[in-house]
Amino acid sequence: MNTKTVKKILLIEDNPGDIRLMKELLKEITSFEHELLVAENLKDGCELIKENNIILILLDLNLPDSSGKQTFDNIIGLAQSIPVVLVSGMNDSELSLELIKKGAQDFILKQDLNNSLLGKTIHFAILRKQLEEALKASAAELLIANKELVFQNDEKEKRAAELLIANKELAFQSEEKEKR
């Protein structure tokens, strides 16, 4: 495998059976070359994020050293530009929705996992994150352009006020000359 084209996916999962299942499902995804990195706890997952160019994180929320929202908050705080897909055995739609609002790209129940669903989820999560990042960049560019336009407008208004004063002074001087 050529490591330059291989995309690294990080699975943060502590259950050996679920790790084995994910490895098998990911083997069946052939749309792009990938390497699966596995961390069995939050601490190791954070280290792998820092040390590697990860394109996607598959995250179980309940780990030996962290659980629930805290797990996600720690990961998203470290990996804001990496798409995170929540993979859980618990169907907690309220928590899932809250975490999607906070930046998770998707949520998959472990019992629903199959190679087709996983492949589509990975593809769309990466695409959505790219679009989200492009949108953020465009918004930042627009904000800068807007500030520049406001500055230019302020300068033009300032110049217009100066010209108005100068015009009034000239009119006054012209009136004074006519009186003499």
C-alpha atoms as a PDB file:
ATOM      1  CA  MET A   1       0.000   0.000   0.000  1.00  0.00           C
ATOM      2  CA  ASN A   2       1.247   3.458  -0.855  1.00  0.00           C
ATOM      3  CA  THR A   3       1.071   5.437   2.396  1.00  0.00           C
ATOM      4  CA  LYS A   4       0.711   8.759   0.537  1.00  0.00           C
ATOM      5  CA  THR A   5      -2.698   7.798  -0.846  1.00  0.00           C
ATOM      6  CA  VAL A   6      -3.917   5.732   2.110  1.00  0.00           C
ATOM      7  CA  LYS A   7      -6.501   7.525   4.197  1.00  0.00           C
ATOM      8  CA  LYS A   8      -6.392   6.902   7.935  1.00  0.00           C
ATOM      9  CA  ILE A   9      -9.607   6.193   9.788  1.00  0.00           C
ATOM     10  CA  LEU A  10      -9.514   6.149  13.565  1.00  0.00           C
ATOM     11  CA  LEU A  11     -11.807   3.818  15.470  1.00  0.00           C
ATOM     12  CA  ILE A  12     -12.080   4.614  19.151  1.00  0.00           C
ATOM     13  CA  GLU A  13     -13.764   1.536  20.603  1.00  0.00           C
ATOM     14  CA  ASP A  14     -13.075  -0.664  23.613  1.00  0.00           C
ATOM     15  CA  ASN A  15     -15.143  -3.751  22.757  1.00  0.00           C
ATOM     16  CA  PRO A  16     -12.971  -6.391  20.984  1.00  0.00           C
ATOM     17  CA  GLY A  17     -15.996  -7.859  19.171  1.00  0.00           C
ATOM     18  CA  ASP A  18     -17.014  -4.441  17.819  1.00  0.00           C
ATOM     19  CA  ILE A  19     -13.425  -3.729  16.777  1.00  0.00           C
ATOM     20  CA  ARG A  20     -13.318  -7.021  14.876  1.00  0.00           C
ATOM     21  CA  LEU A  21     -16.695  -6.251  13.229  1.00  0.00           C
ATOM     22  CA  MET A  22     -15.542  -2.777  12.129  1.00  0.00           C
ATOM     23  CA  LYS A  23     -12.321  -4.201  10.692  1.00  0.00           C
ATOM     24  CA  GLU A  24     -14.316  -6.732   8.662  1.00  0.00           C
ATOM     25  CA  LEU A  25     -16.823  -4.137   7.428  1.00  0.00           C
ATOM     26  CA  LEU A  26     -14.086  -1.682   6.493  1.00  0.00           C
ATOM     27  CA  LYS A  27     -12.257  -4.381   4.493  1.00  0.00           C
ATOM     28  CA  GLU A  28     -15.298  -4.518   2.226  1.00  0.00           C
ATOM     29  CA  ILE A  29     -15.135  -0.795   1.478  1.00  0.00           C
ATOM     30  CA  THR A  30     -13.080  -0.548  -1.702  1.00  0.00           C
ATOM     31  CA  SER A  31     -14.011   2.943  -2.892  1.00  0.00           C
ATOM     32  CA  PHE A  32     -10.758   4.289  -1.402  1.00  0.00           C
ATOM     33  CA  GLU A  33      -7.635   2.903   0.211  1.00  0.00           C
ATOM     34  CA  HIS A  34      -7.702   3.242   3.947  1.00  0.00           C
ATOM     35  CA  GLU A  35      -5.878   2.180   7.044  1.00  0.00           C
ATOM     36  CA  LEU A  36      -7.739   1.587  10.275  1.00  0.00           C
ATOM     37  CA  LEU A  37      -6.116   2.821  13.459  1.00  0.00           C
ATOM     38  CA  VAL A  38      -7.664   1.572  16.685  1.00  0.00           C
ATOM     39  CA  ALA A  39      -7.650   3.095  20.143  1.00  0.00           C
ATOM     40  CA  GLU A  40      -9.359   1.323  23.012  1.00  0.00           C
ATOM     41  CA  ASN A  41      -9.688   4.410  25.207  1.00  0.00           C
ATOM     42  CA  LEU A  42      -9.978   8.175  24.918  1.00  0.00           C
ATOM     43  CA  LYS A  43      -6.394   8.890  25.946  1.00  0.00           C
ATOM     44  CA  ASP A  44      -4.927   6.645  23.221  1.00  0.00           C
ATOM     45  CA  GLY A  45      -7.405   8.021  20.685  1.00  0.00           C
ATOM     46  CA  CYS A  46      -6.288  11.580  21.427  1.00  0.00           C
ATOM     47  CA  GLU A  47      -2.648  10.570  20.973  1.00  0.00           C
ATOM     48  CA  LEU A  48      -3.383   8.958  17.612  1.00  0.00           C
ATOM     49  CA  ILE A  49      -5.214  12.099  16.475  1.00  0.00           C
ATOM     50  CA  LYS A  50      -2.182  14.218  17.371  1.00  0.00           C
ATOM     51  CA  GLU A  51       0.287  11.860  15.695  1.00  0.00           C
ATOM     52  CA  ASN A  52      -1.569  11.030  12.464  1.00  0.00           C
ATOM     53  CA  ASN A  53      -3.367  12.652   9.571  1.00  0.00           C
ATOM     54  CA  ILE A  54      -6.811  11.222  10.344  1.00  0.00           C
ATOM     55  CA  ILE A  55      -9.614  11.721   7.787  1.00  0.00           C
ATOM     56  CA  LEU A  56     -12.457  10.318   9.921  1.00  0.00           C
ATOM     57  CA  ILE A  57     -13.123   9.249  13.494  1.00  0.00           C
ATOM     58  CA  LEU A  58     -15.558   6.454  14.343  1.00  0.00           C
ATOM     59  CA  LEU A  59     -16.332   7.060  17.999  1.00  0.00           C
ATOM     60  CA  ASP A  60     -17.951   4.902  20.635  1.00  0.00           C
ATOM     61  CA  LEU A  61     -19.116   7.249  23.384  1.00  0.00           C
ATOM     62  CA  ASN A  62     -18.690   4.800  26.264  1.00  0.00           C
ATOM     63  CA  LEU A  63     -15.021   4.077  26.884  1.00  0.00           C
ATOM     64  CA  PRO A  64     -13.089   2.925  29.951  1.00  0.00           C
ATOM     65  CA  ASP A  65     -11.742   6.436  30.627  1.00  0.00           C
ATOM     66  CA  SER A  66     -14.675   8.559  29.419  1.00  0.00           C
ATOM     67  CA  SER A  67     -18.367   8.302  28.684  1.00  0.00           C
ATOM     68  CA  GLY A  68     -21.174  10.013  26.835  1.00  0.00           C
ATOM     69  CA  LYS A  69     -21.040  13.683  25.984  1.00  0.00           C
ATOM     70  CA  GLN A  70     -17.667  14.097  27.727  1.00  0.00           C
ATOM     71  CA  THR A  71     -16.084  11.650  25.267  1.00  0.00           C
ATOM     72  CA  PHE A  72     -17.381  13.592  22.278  1.00  0.00           C
ATOM     73  CA  ASP A  73     -16.450  16.979  23.772  1.00  0.00           C
ATOM     74  CA  ASN A  74     -12.865  15.841  24.290  1.00  0.00           C
ATOM     75  CA  ILE A  75     -12.556  14.492  20.750  1.00  0.00           C
ATOM     76  CA  ILE A  76     -14.225  17.423  18.982  1.00  0.00           C
ATOM     77  CA  GLY A  77     -12.127  19.856  21.014  1.00  0.00           C
ATOM     78  CA  LEU A  78      -8.997  18.197  19.665  1.00  0.00           C
ATOM     79  CA  ALA A  79     -10.205  17.363  16.158  1.00  0.00           C
ATOM     80  CA  GLN A  80     -12.539  20.139  15.039  1.00  0.00           C
ATOM     81  CA  SER A  81     -11.691  19.727  11.358  1.00  0.00           C
ATOM     82  CA  ILE A  82     -12.039  15.915  11.331  1.00  0.00           C
ATOM     83  CA  PRO A  83     -15.476  14.379  10.734  1.00  0.00           C
ATOM     84  CA  VAL A  84     -16.705  12.347  13.698  1.00  0.00           C
ATOM     85  CA  VAL A  85     -19.257   9.574  13.328  1.00  0.00           C
ATOM     86  CA  LEU A  86     -20.823   8.322  16.540  1.00  0.00           C
ATOM     87  CA  VAL A  87     -21.116   4.540  16.731  1.00  0.00           C
ATOM     88  CA  SER A  88     -23.099   3.313  19.700  1.00  0.00           C
ATOM     89  CA  GLY A  89     -24.970   0.337  21.015  1.00  0.00           C
ATOM     90  CA  MET A  90     -27.397   2.611  22.840  1.00  0.00           C
ATOM     91  CA  ASN A  91     -30.231   4.255  20.945  1.00  0.00           C
ATOM     92  CA  ASP A  92     -30.178   7.601  22.745  1.00  0.00           C
ATOM     93  CA  SER A  93     -31.683   9.841  20.074  1.00  0.00           C
ATOM     94  CA  GLU A  94     -31.705  12.896  22.364  1.00  0.00           C
ATOM     95  CA  LEU A  95     -27.962  12.657  23.038  1.00  0.00           C
ATOM     96  CA  SER A  96     -27.265  11.823  19.374  1.00  0.00           C
ATOM     97  CA  LEU A  97     -29.160  14.888  18.181  1.00  0.00           C
ATOM     98  CA  GLU A  98     -27.392  17.102  20.724  1.00  0.00           C
ATOM     99  CA  LEU A  99     -23.976  15.860  19.591  1.00  0.00           C
ATOM    100  CA  ILE A 100     -24.843  16.259  15.910  1.00  0.00           C
ATOM    101  CA  LYS A 101     -25.767  19.867  16.690  1.00  0.00           C
ATOM    102  CA  LYS A 102     -22.359  20.198  18.361  1.00  0.00           C
ATOM    103  CA  GLY A 103     -20.496  18.902  15.304  1.00  0.00           C
ATOM    104  CA  ALA A 104     -20.837  15.133  14.937  1.00  0.00           C
ATOM    105  CA  GLN A 105     -21.473  14.218  11.313  1.00  0.00           C
ATOM    106  CA  ASP A 106     -23.656  11.179  11.890  1.00  0.00           C
ATOM    107  CA  PHE A 107     -24.830   8.527  14.321  1.00  0.00           C
ATOM    108  CA  ILE A 108     -24.986   4.781  13.649  1.00  0.00           C
ATOM    109  CA  LEU A 109     -26.391   2.108  15.923  1.00  0.00           C
ATOM    110  CA  LYS A 110     -23.995  -0.834  16.166  1.00  0.00           C
ATOM    111  CA  GLN A 111     -26.834  -3.293  15.574  1.00  0.00           C
ATOM    112  CA  ASP A 112     -27.616  -1.554  12.238  1.00  0.00           C
ATOM    113  CA  LEU A 113     -24.049  -1.717  10.940  1.00  0.00           C
ATOM    114  CA  ASN A 114     -23.332  -3.254   7.567  1.00  0.00           C
ATOM    115  CA  ASN A 115     -20.691  -2.491   4.954  1.00  0.00           C
ATOM    116  CA  SER A 116     -23.080  -0.526   2.723  1.00  0.00           C
ATOM    117  CA  LEU A 117     -24.315   1.712   5.547  1.00  0.00           C
ATOM    118  CA  LEU A 118     -20.810   2.204   6.908  1.00  0.00           C
ATOM    119  CA  GLY A 119     -19.405   3.023   3.468  1.00  0.00           C
ATOM    120  CA  LYS A 120     -22.109   5.590   2.726  1.00  0.00           C
ATOM    121  CA  THR A 121     -21.832   7.090   6.205  1.00  0.00           C
ATOM    122  CA  ILE A 122     -18.076   7.506   5.889  1.00  0.00           C
ATOM    123  CA  HIS A 123     -18.335   8.974   2.383  1.00  0.00           C
ATOM    124  CA  PHE A 124     -21.067  11.470   3.297  1.00  0.00           C
ATOM    125  CA  ALA A 125     -19.489  12.397   6.643  1.00  0.00           C
ATOM    126  CA  ILE A 126     -16.232  13.314   4.925  1.00  0.00           C
ATOM    127  CA  LEU A 127     -18.080  15.205   2.180  1.00  0.00           C
ATOM    128  CA  ARG A 128     -20.261  17.108   4.670  1.00  0.00           C
ATOM    129  CA  LYS A 129     -17.223  18.061   6.749  1.00  0.00           C
ATOM    130  CA  GLN A 130     -15.393  19.313   3.641  1.00  0.00           C
ATOM    131  CA  LEU A 131     -18.424  21.392   2.673  1.00  0.00           C
ATOM    132  CA  GLU A 132     -18.750  22.679   6.242  1.00  0.00           C
ATOM    133  CA  GLU A 133     -15.076  23.727   6.269  1.00  0.00           C
ATOM    134  CA  ALA A 134     -15.437  25.401   2.849  1.00  0.00           C
ATOM    135  CA  LEU A 135     -18.521  27.241   4.095  1.00  0.00           C
ATOM    136  CA  LYS A 136     -16.635  28.424   7.193  1.00  0.00           C
ATOM    137  CA  ALA A 137     -13.765  29.638   5.001  1.00  0.00           C
ATOM    138  CA  SER A 138     -16.187  31.474   2.698  1.00  0.00           C
ATOM    139  CA  ALA A 139     -17.933  33.058   5.675  1.00  0.00           C
ATOM    140  CA  ALA A 140     -14.571  34.222   7.035  1.00  0.00           C
ATOM    141  CA  GLU A 141     -13.652  35.677   3.623  1.00  0.00           C
ATOM    142  CA  LEU A 142     -17.010  37.456   3.420  1.00  0.00           C
ATOM    143  CA  LEU A 143     -16.543  38.870   6.909  1.00  0.00           C
ATOM    144  CA  ILE A 144     -13.133  40.254   5.950  1.00  0.00           C
ATOM    145  CA  ALA A 145     -14.516  41.671   2.685  1.00  0.00           C
ATOM    146  CA  ASN A 146     -17.433  43.214   4.577  1.00  0.00           C
ATOM    147  CA  LYS A 147     -15.083  44.871   7.061  1.00  0.00           C
ATOM    148  CA  GLU A 148     -13.040  46.252   4.172  1.00  0.00           C
ATOM    149  CA  LEU A 149     -16.177  47.612   2.503  1.00  0.00           C
ATOM    150  CA  VAL A 150     -17.316  49.205   5.774  1.00  0.00           C
ATOM    151  CA  PHE A 151     -13.879  50.787   6.138  1.00  0.00           C
ATOM    152  CA  GLN A 152     -13.961  52.060   2.538  1.00  0.00           C
ATOM    153  CA  ASN A 153     -17.485  53.405   3.028  1.00  0.00           C
ATOM    154  CA  ASP A 154     -16.428  55.166   6.242  1.00  0.00           C
ATOM    155  CA  GLU A 155     -13.496  56.708   4.387  1.00  0.00           C
ATOM    156  CA  LYS A 156     -15.781  57.883   1.565  1.00  0.00           C
ATOM    157  CA  GLU A 157     -18.268  59.366   4.043  1.00  0.00           C
ATOM    158  CA  LYS A 158     -15.412  61.101   5.831  1.00  0.00           C
ATOM    159  CA  ARG A 159     -14.140  62.480   2.514  1.00  0.00           C
ATOM    160  CA  ALA A 160     -17.674  63.535   1.524  1.00  0.00           C
ATOM    161  CA  ALA A 161     -18.025  65.400   4.841  1.00  0.00           C
ATOM    162  CA  GLU A 162     -14.672  67.103   4.237  1.00  0.00           C
ATOM    163  CA  LEU A 163     -15.781  68.101   0.722  1.00  0.00           C
ATOM    164  CA  LEU A 164     -19.078  69.426   2.053  1.00  0.00           C
ATOM    165  CA  ILE A 165     -17.238  71.593   4.591  1.00  0.00           C
ATOM    166  CA  ALA A 166     -14.831  72.784   1.910  1.00  0.00           C
ATOM    167  CA  ASN A 167     -17.761  73.545  -0.396  1.00  0.00           C
ATOM    168  CA  LYS A 168     -19.471  75.587   2.333  1.00  0.00           C
ATOM    169  CA  GLU A 169     -16.235  77.469   2.997  1.00  0.00           C
ATOM    170  CA  LEU A 170     -15.873  78.261  -0.711  1.00  0.00           C
ATOM    171  CA  ALA A 171     -19.483  79.409  -0.891  1.00  0.00           C
ATOM    172  CA  PHE A 172     -18.921  81.626   2.144  1.00  0.00           C
ATOM    173  CA  GLN A 173     -15.727  83.047   0.646  1.00  0.00           C
ATOM    174  CA  SER A 174     -17.512  83.645  -2.659  1.00  0.00           C
ATOM    175  CA  GLU A 175     -20.287  85.531  -0.867  1.00  0.00           C
ATOM    176  CA  GLU A 176     -17.709  87.613   0.973  1.00  0.00           C
ATOM    177  CA  LYS A 177     -15.980  88.530  -2.309  1.00  0.00           C
ATOM    178  CA  GLU A 178     -19.310  89.541  -3.874  1.00  0.00           C
ATOM    179  CA  LYS A 179     -20.073  91.818  -0.899  1.00  0.00           C
ATOM    180  CA  ARG A 180     -16.843  93.746  -1.394  1.00  0.00           C
END
